Each structure stands twice: as C-alpha cells, then as structure tokens.
C-alpha cells in the first residue's frame, strides 16, 4: 500500500539539481557503511543501513537518494530481493515507473557471478515482475522480465524450471505480438 503525502498524491523523484546537496549529506552521514561496498556482504550491510534510515528521513531528496543507492547496491551485490525492497519503499513516497526501474535494475545483476541460490531468487523475483507487468497490460515488460527469469533459471541448472520459464516466455511473446 502506498503512503500518500499530505496533499494525497505522490511526488515525482527529485531532479539532479535537487540531489546535489543530498549527495554530500549521504556521503558524510553514511561514510562508514559506504566505505565497505566492494564486497557483497559490505554492500548488503550498507543496503540495510540505508533502507532503515530512509524510513524516518524527512528530507525528500536525501530519502530518494538513500533508496536509489540501496537499489543500486542491491543490484551490484546480486540481491534481487534488496532491489525490490528499495523500489517498494520508494514507490510509497514517489511517483515513478516502478516496473521499468525494477526490470532495468534486475537486468543489471551479473548473472554469471551468481551462485544457484541467488540465481533462484532472481528468477523468482523476475517471474513475479513478469506477472505484474502482464496484469498491468505491459506485455513488452512482461516478456523481458520472463526472459530474465529464464536466464536466471538456466544459471541455477534447474532444467524443469527453465522449461517452464521458456514456455511462459513464449506465451507472453505470442500475446504481445497478437496485441
């Protein structure tokens, strides 16, 4: 459920100009956790710190930047669930294309570097995204998300899940072409 602002509508994300001061604040306030993001564990620790702090943040540009950085770090760490959590939290305050951002972010996760467990989570998150996109009538996004799911299932070595994902991808592609 989205949290509405006082006026009852969600705000657009801040512009690059509005983020200038917020970047300085982010780097200063979160210097310690952000200094350890070279490892997956360090990145995930920073993600949790940023997500937790963003929940109480009143400065709108800083809040957006914290959530965006958590999303970016989650993707670089190969953690699809962190990407989704950051986007869900951002969508409670800001109006943006959630499907597009999540699809783009999940596609940035380096599949070759994922172990089977993380690849499974990515496949499941991508399948969920494909379903949401299909429900919204955005078949192009549904096809792309299902292809990502297929590739992730292939990475896990799960042949049965890969076949199911391939069949679902083909069904979505046919529906997209016929639309």
C-alpha atoms as a PDB file:
ATOM      1  CA  UNK A   1       0.000   0.000   0.000  1.00  0.00           C
ATOM      2  CA  UNK A   2       1.344   3.420  -0.908  1.00  0.00           C
ATOM      3  CA  UNK A   3       1.792   6.126   1.645  1.00  0.00           C
ATOM      4  CA  UNK A   4       0.318   9.366   0.340  1.00  0.00           C
ATOM      5  CA  UNK A   5       1.767  12.766   1.042  1.00  0.00           C
ATOM      6  CA  UNK A   6      -0.236  15.460   2.818  1.00  0.00           C
ATOM      7  CA  UNK A   7      -1.828  16.545  -0.466  1.00  0.00           C
ATOM      8  CA  UNK A   8      -2.941  12.997  -1.224  1.00  0.00           C
ATOM      9  CA  UNK A   9      -0.656  12.496  -4.219  1.00  0.00           C
ATOM     10  CA  UNK A  10       2.819  11.101  -4.640  1.00  0.00           C
ATOM     11  CA  UNK A  11       5.713  13.356  -5.624  1.00  0.00           C
ATOM     12  CA  UNK A  12       7.990  12.957  -8.598  1.00  0.00           C
ATOM     13  CA  UNK A  13      11.536  11.934  -7.722  1.00  0.00           C
ATOM     14  CA  UNK A  14      13.887  14.881  -7.203  1.00  0.00           C
ATOM     15  CA  UNK A  15      15.795  16.337 -10.138  1.00  0.00           C
ATOM     16  CA  UNK A  16      19.560  16.031 -10.456  1.00  0.00           C
ATOM     17  CA  UNK A  17      19.892  19.627  -9.336  1.00  0.00           C
ATOM     18  CA  UNK A  18      17.864  18.911  -6.190  1.00  0.00           C
ATOM     19  CA  UNK A  19      20.125  15.958  -5.402  1.00  0.00           C
ATOM     20  CA  UNK A  20      23.397  17.913  -5.262  1.00  0.00           C
ATOM     21  CA  UNK A  21      23.230  18.729  -1.543  1.00  0.00           C
ATOM     22  CA  UNK A  22      21.692  15.358  -0.753  1.00  0.00           C
ATOM     23  CA  UNK A  23      24.720  13.581  -2.279  1.00  0.00           C
ATOM     24  CA  UNK A  24      27.076  15.444   0.042  1.00  0.00           C
ATOM     25  CA  UNK A  25      24.891  14.622   3.022  1.00  0.00           C
ATOM     26  CA  UNK A  26      24.656  10.962   2.021  1.00  0.00           C
ATOM     27  CA  UNK A  27      28.439  10.645   1.663  1.00  0.00           C
ATOM     28  CA  UNK A  28      29.022  12.346   5.004  1.00  0.00           C
ATOM     29  CA  UNK A  29      26.312  10.636   7.041  1.00  0.00           C
ATOM     30  CA  UNK A  30      26.900   7.148   5.643  1.00  0.00           C
ATOM     31  CA  UNK A  31      30.670   7.301   5.124  1.00  0.00           C
ATOM     32  CA  UNK A  32      31.348   4.176   7.186  1.00  0.00           C
ATOM     33  CA  UNK A  33      28.824   1.753   5.629  1.00  0.00           C
ATOM     34  CA  UNK A  34      29.502   3.074   2.114  1.00  0.00           C
ATOM     35  CA  UNK A  35      33.240   2.512   2.535  1.00  0.00           C
ATOM     36  CA  UNK A  36      32.714  -1.273   2.583  1.00  0.00           C
ATOM     37  CA  UNK A  37      30.610  -1.777  -0.545  1.00  0.00           C
ATOM     38  CA  UNK A  38      33.371  -3.510  -2.526  1.00  0.00           C
ATOM     39  CA  UNK A  39      32.210  -6.848  -1.109  1.00  0.00           C
ATOM     40  CA  UNK A  40      28.751  -8.345  -1.354  1.00  0.00           C
ATOM     41  CA  UNK A  41      28.453  -8.548   2.426  1.00  0.00           C
ATOM     42  CA  UNK A  42      29.536  -4.924   2.835  1.00  0.00           C
ATOM     43  CA  UNK A  43      27.137  -3.788   0.133  1.00  0.00           C
ATOM     44  CA  UNK A  44      24.252  -5.603   1.804  1.00  0.00           C
ATOM     45  CA  UNK A  45      25.143  -4.089   5.159  1.00  0.00           C
ATOM     46  CA  UNK A  46      25.044  -0.651   3.535  1.00  0.00           C
ATOM     47  CA  UNK A  47      21.715  -1.510   1.864  1.00  0.00           C
ATOM     48  CA  UNK A  48      20.148  -2.415   5.208  1.00  0.00           C
ATOM     49  CA  UNK A  49      21.526   0.740   6.839  1.00  0.00           C
ATOM     50  CA  UNK A  50      20.206   2.947   4.019  1.00  0.00           C
ATOM     51  CA  UNK A  51      16.777   1.303   3.930  1.00  0.00           C
ATOM     52  CA  UNK A  52      16.362   1.551   7.681  1.00  0.00           C
ATOM     53  CA  UNK A  53      17.453   5.198   7.780  1.00  0.00           C
ATOM     54  CA  UNK A  54      15.275   6.143   4.806  1.00  0.00           C
ATOM     55  CA  UNK A  55      12.122   5.098   6.655  1.00  0.00           C
ATOM     56  CA  UNK A  56      12.482   8.033   9.063  1.00  0.00           C
ATOM     57  CA  UNK A  57      14.128  10.521   6.688  1.00  0.00           C
ATOM     58  CA  UNK A  58      12.163  13.758   6.181  1.00  0.00           C
ATOM     59  CA  UNK A  59      14.460  15.366   3.591  1.00  0.00           C
ATOM     60  CA  UNK A  60      12.774  14.193   0.357  1.00  0.00           C
ATOM     61  CA  UNK A  61      15.821  14.403  -1.953  1.00  0.00           C
ATOM     62  CA  UNK A  62      18.011  12.624   0.596  1.00  0.00           C
ATOM     63  CA  UNK A  63      15.365   9.937   1.110  1.00  0.00           C
ATOM     64  CA  UNK A  64      15.197   9.312  -2.648  1.00  0.00           C
ATOM     65  CA  UNK A  65      18.974   9.162  -2.891  1.00  0.00           C
ATOM     66  CA  UNK A  66      19.189   6.702   0.024  1.00  0.00           C
ATOM     67  CA  UNK A  67      16.629   4.399  -1.584  1.00  0.00           C
ATOM     68  CA  UNK A  68      18.222   4.703  -5.008  1.00  0.00           C
ATOM     69  CA  UNK A  69      21.659   3.912  -3.613  1.00  0.00           C
ATOM     70  CA  UNK A  70      20.230   0.894  -1.760  1.00  0.00           C
ATOM     71  CA  UNK A  71      18.667  -0.301  -5.029  1.00  0.00           C
ATOM     72  CA  UNK A  72      21.922   0.172  -6.924  1.00  0.00           C
ATOM     73  CA  UNK A  73      23.995  -1.589  -4.261  1.00  0.00           C
ATOM     74  CA  UNK A  74      21.499  -4.463  -4.091  1.00  0.00           C
ATOM     75  CA  UNK A  75      21.846  -4.976  -7.839  1.00  0.00           C
ATOM     76  CA  UNK A  76      25.634  -4.853  -7.738  1.00  0.00           C
ATOM     77  CA  UNK A  77      25.632  -7.411  -4.892  1.00  0.00           C
ATOM     78  CA  UNK A  78      23.362  -9.724  -6.902  1.00  0.00           C
ATOM     79  CA  UNK A  79      20.498  -9.444  -4.420  1.00  0.00           C
ATOM     80  CA  UNK A  80      17.219  -9.199  -6.306  1.00  0.00           C
ATOM     81  CA  UNK A  81      15.204  -9.053  -3.096  1.00  0.00           C
ATOM     82  CA  UNK A  82      17.089  -5.912  -1.991  1.00  0.00           C
ATOM     83  CA  UNK A  83      16.345  -4.244  -5.332  1.00  0.00           C
ATOM     84  CA  UNK A  84      12.646  -4.999  -4.951  1.00  0.00           C
ATOM     85  CA  UNK A  85      12.540  -3.809  -1.342  1.00  0.00           C
ATOM     86  CA  UNK A  86      14.190  -0.481  -2.197  1.00  0.00           C
ATOM     87  CA  UNK A  87      11.800   0.097  -5.097  1.00  0.00           C
ATOM     88  CA  UNK A  88       8.755  -0.777  -2.996  1.00  0.00           C
ATOM     89  CA  UNK A  89       9.861   1.663  -0.309  1.00  0.00           C
ATOM     90  CA  UNK A  90      10.491   4.381  -2.897  1.00  0.00           C
ATOM     91  CA  UNK A  91       7.095   3.823  -4.505  1.00  0.00           C
ATOM     92  CA  UNK A  92       5.409   4.581  -1.181  1.00  0.00           C
ATOM     93  CA  UNK A  93       6.587   8.184  -1.454  1.00  0.00           C
ATOM     94  CA  UNK A  94       7.453   8.902  -5.080  1.00  0.00           C
ATOM     95  CA  UNK A  95       5.631   8.550  -8.383  1.00  0.00           C
ATOM     96  CA  UNK A  96       7.786   6.770 -10.992  1.00  0.00           C
ATOM     97  CA  UNK A  97       7.648   3.780 -13.330  1.00  0.00           C
ATOM     98  CA  UNK A  98       8.285   1.009 -10.816  1.00  0.00           C
ATOM     99  CA  UNK A  99       8.136  -1.803 -13.378  1.00  0.00           C
ATOM    100  CA  UNK A 100      10.664  -0.130 -15.634  1.00  0.00           C
ATOM    101  CA  UNK A 101      13.064   0.648 -12.797  1.00  0.00           C
ATOM    102  CA  UNK A 102      12.834  -2.841 -11.317  1.00  0.00           C
ATOM    103  CA  UNK A 103      13.302  -4.526 -14.682  1.00  0.00           C
ATOM    104  CA  UNK A 104      16.279  -2.313 -15.515  1.00  0.00           C
ATOM    105  CA  UNK A 105      17.813  -2.905 -12.076  1.00  0.00           C
ATOM    106  CA  UNK A 106      17.343  -6.671 -12.167  1.00  0.00           C
ATOM    107  CA  UNK A 107      18.864  -6.787 -15.657  1.00  0.00           C
ATOM    108  CA  UNK A 108      21.993  -5.116 -14.236  1.00  0.00           C
ATOM    109  CA  UNK A 109      22.615  -8.044 -11.886  1.00  0.00           C
ATOM    110  CA  UNK A 110      25.580 -10.007 -13.245  1.00  0.00           C
ATOM    111  CA  UNK A 111      24.096 -13.485 -13.801  1.00  0.00           C
ATOM    112  CA  UNK A 112      27.460 -15.158 -14.337  1.00  0.00           C
ATOM    113  CA  UNK A 113      28.585 -14.150 -10.871  1.00  0.00           C
ATOM    114  CA  UNK A 114      25.520 -15.550  -9.089  1.00  0.00           C
ATOM    115  CA  UNK A 115      25.530 -18.757  -7.129  1.00  0.00           C
ATOM    116  CA  UNK A 116      22.497 -21.032  -7.655  1.00  0.00           C
ATOM    117  CA  UNK A 117      20.723 -19.679  -4.560  1.00  0.00           C
ATOM    118  CA  UNK A 118      20.895 -16.043  -5.629  1.00  0.00           C
ATOM    119  CA  UNK A 119      20.033 -17.020  -9.203  1.00  0.00           C
ATOM    120  CA  UNK A 120      16.923 -18.785  -7.899  1.00  0.00           C
ATOM    121  CA  UNK A 121      15.833 -15.675  -6.018  1.00  0.00           C
ATOM    122  CA  UNK A 122      16.447 -13.560  -9.126  1.00  0.00           C
ATOM    123  CA  UNK A 123      14.398 -15.992 -11.233  1.00  0.00           C
ATOM    124  CA  UNK A 124      11.512 -15.876  -8.770  1.00  0.00           C
ATOM    125  CA  UNK A 125      11.579 -12.080  -8.493  1.00  0.00           C
ATOM    126  CA  UNK A 126      11.698 -11.752 -12.297  1.00  0.00           C
ATOM    127  CA  UNK A 127       8.733 -14.140 -12.652  1.00  0.00           C
ATOM    128  CA  UNK A 128       6.777 -12.040 -10.185  1.00  0.00           C
ATOM    129  CA  UNK A 129       7.695  -8.911 -12.111  1.00  0.00           C
ATOM    130  CA  UNK A 130       6.550 -10.550 -15.357  1.00  0.00           C
ATOM    131  CA  UNK A 131       3.197 -11.357 -13.778  1.00  0.00           C
ATOM    132  CA  UNK A 132       2.769  -7.793 -12.501  1.00  0.00           C
ATOM    133  CA  UNK A 133       3.665  -6.399 -15.914  1.00  0.00           C
ATOM    134  CA  UNK A 134       1.209  -8.733 -17.628  1.00  0.00           C
ATOM    135  CA  UNK A 135      -1.516  -7.732 -15.180  1.00  0.00           C
ATOM    136  CA  UNK A 136      -0.804  -4.066 -15.972  1.00  0.00           C
ATOM    137  CA  UNK A 137      -1.090  -4.816 -19.694  1.00  0.00           C
ATOM    138  CA  UNK A 138       2.589  -4.077 -20.317  1.00  0.00           C
ATOM    139  CA  UNK A 139       3.395  -7.179 -22.294  1.00  0.00           C
ATOM    140  CA  UNK A 140       6.739  -5.870 -23.546  1.00  0.00           C
ATOM    141  CA  UNK A 141       7.942  -5.592 -19.942  1.00  0.00           C
ATOM    142  CA  UNK A 142       6.395  -8.965 -19.104  1.00  0.00           C
ATOM    143  CA  UNK A 143       8.304 -10.641 -21.948  1.00  0.00           C
ATOM    144  CA  UNK A 144      11.580  -9.002 -20.895  1.00  0.00           C
ATOM    145  CA  UNK A 145      11.092  -9.965 -17.245  1.00  0.00           C
ATOM    146  CA  UNK A 146      10.208 -13.539 -18.172  1.00  0.00           C
ATOM    147  CA  UNK A 147      13.344 -13.760 -20.347  1.00  0.00           C
ATOM    148  CA  UNK A 148      15.387 -12.617 -17.370  1.00  0.00           C
ATOM    149  CA  UNK A 149      13.701 -15.294 -15.279  1.00  0.00           C
ATOM    150  CA  UNK A 150      14.507 -17.907 -17.913  1.00  0.00           C
ATOM    151  CA  UNK A 151      18.174 -16.910 -17.975  1.00  0.00           C
ATOM    152  CA  UNK A 152      18.326 -16.983 -14.169  1.00  0.00           C
ATOM    153  CA  UNK A 153      16.720 -20.432 -14.033  1.00  0.00           C
ATOM    154  CA  UNK A 154      19.249 -21.620 -16.592  1.00  0.00           C
ATOM    155  CA  UNK A 155      22.003 -20.275 -14.340  1.00  0.00           C
ATOM    156  CA  UNK A 156      20.678 -22.410 -11.466  1.00  0.00           C
ATOM    157  CA  UNK A 157      20.864 -25.558 -13.575  1.00  0.00           C
ATOM    158  CA  UNK A 158      17.192 -26.319 -12.855  1.00  0.00           C
ATOM    159  CA  UNK A 159      16.074 -27.793 -16.187  1.00  0.00           C
ATOM    160  CA  UNK A 160      12.397 -28.177 -15.220  1.00  0.00           C
ATOM    161  CA  UNK A 161      12.096 -24.565 -14.067  1.00  0.00           C
ATOM    162  CA  UNK A 162      13.963 -23.415 -17.183  1.00  0.00           C
ATOM    163  CA  UNK A 163      11.491 -25.243 -19.413  1.00  0.00           C
ATOM    164  CA  UNK A 164       8.508 -23.754 -17.542  1.00  0.00           C
ATOM    165  CA  UNK A 165      10.029 -20.287 -17.853  1.00  0.00           C
ATOM    166  CA  UNK A 166      10.652 -20.800 -21.576  1.00  0.00           C
ATOM    167  CA  UNK A 167       7.049 -21.903 -22.167  1.00  0.00           C
ATOM    168  CA  UNK A 168       5.757 -18.910 -20.185  1.00  0.00           C
ATOM    169  CA  UNK A 169       8.058 -16.583 -22.139  1.00  0.00           C
ATOM    170  CA  UNK A 170       6.734 -17.935 -25.439  1.00  0.00           C
ATOM    171  CA  UNK A 171       3.124 -17.492 -24.274  1.00  0.00           C
ATOM    172  CA  UNK A 172       3.807 -13.882 -23.297  1.00  0.00           C
ATOM    173  CA  UNK A 173       5.608 -13.194 -26.574  1.00  0.00           C
ATOM    174  CA  UNK A 174       2.673 -14.566 -28.584  1.00  0.00           C
ATOM    175  CA  UNK A 175       0.250 -12.435 -26.557  1.00  0.00           C
ATOM    176  CA  UNK A 176       2.473  -9.372 -27.082  1.00  0.00           C
ATOM    177  CA  UNK A 177       2.645  -9.899 -30.860  1.00  0.00           C
ATOM    178  CA  UNK A 178      -1.105 -10.504 -31.157  1.00  0.00           C
ATOM    179  CA  UNK A 179      -1.970  -7.392 -29.176  1.00  0.00           C
END
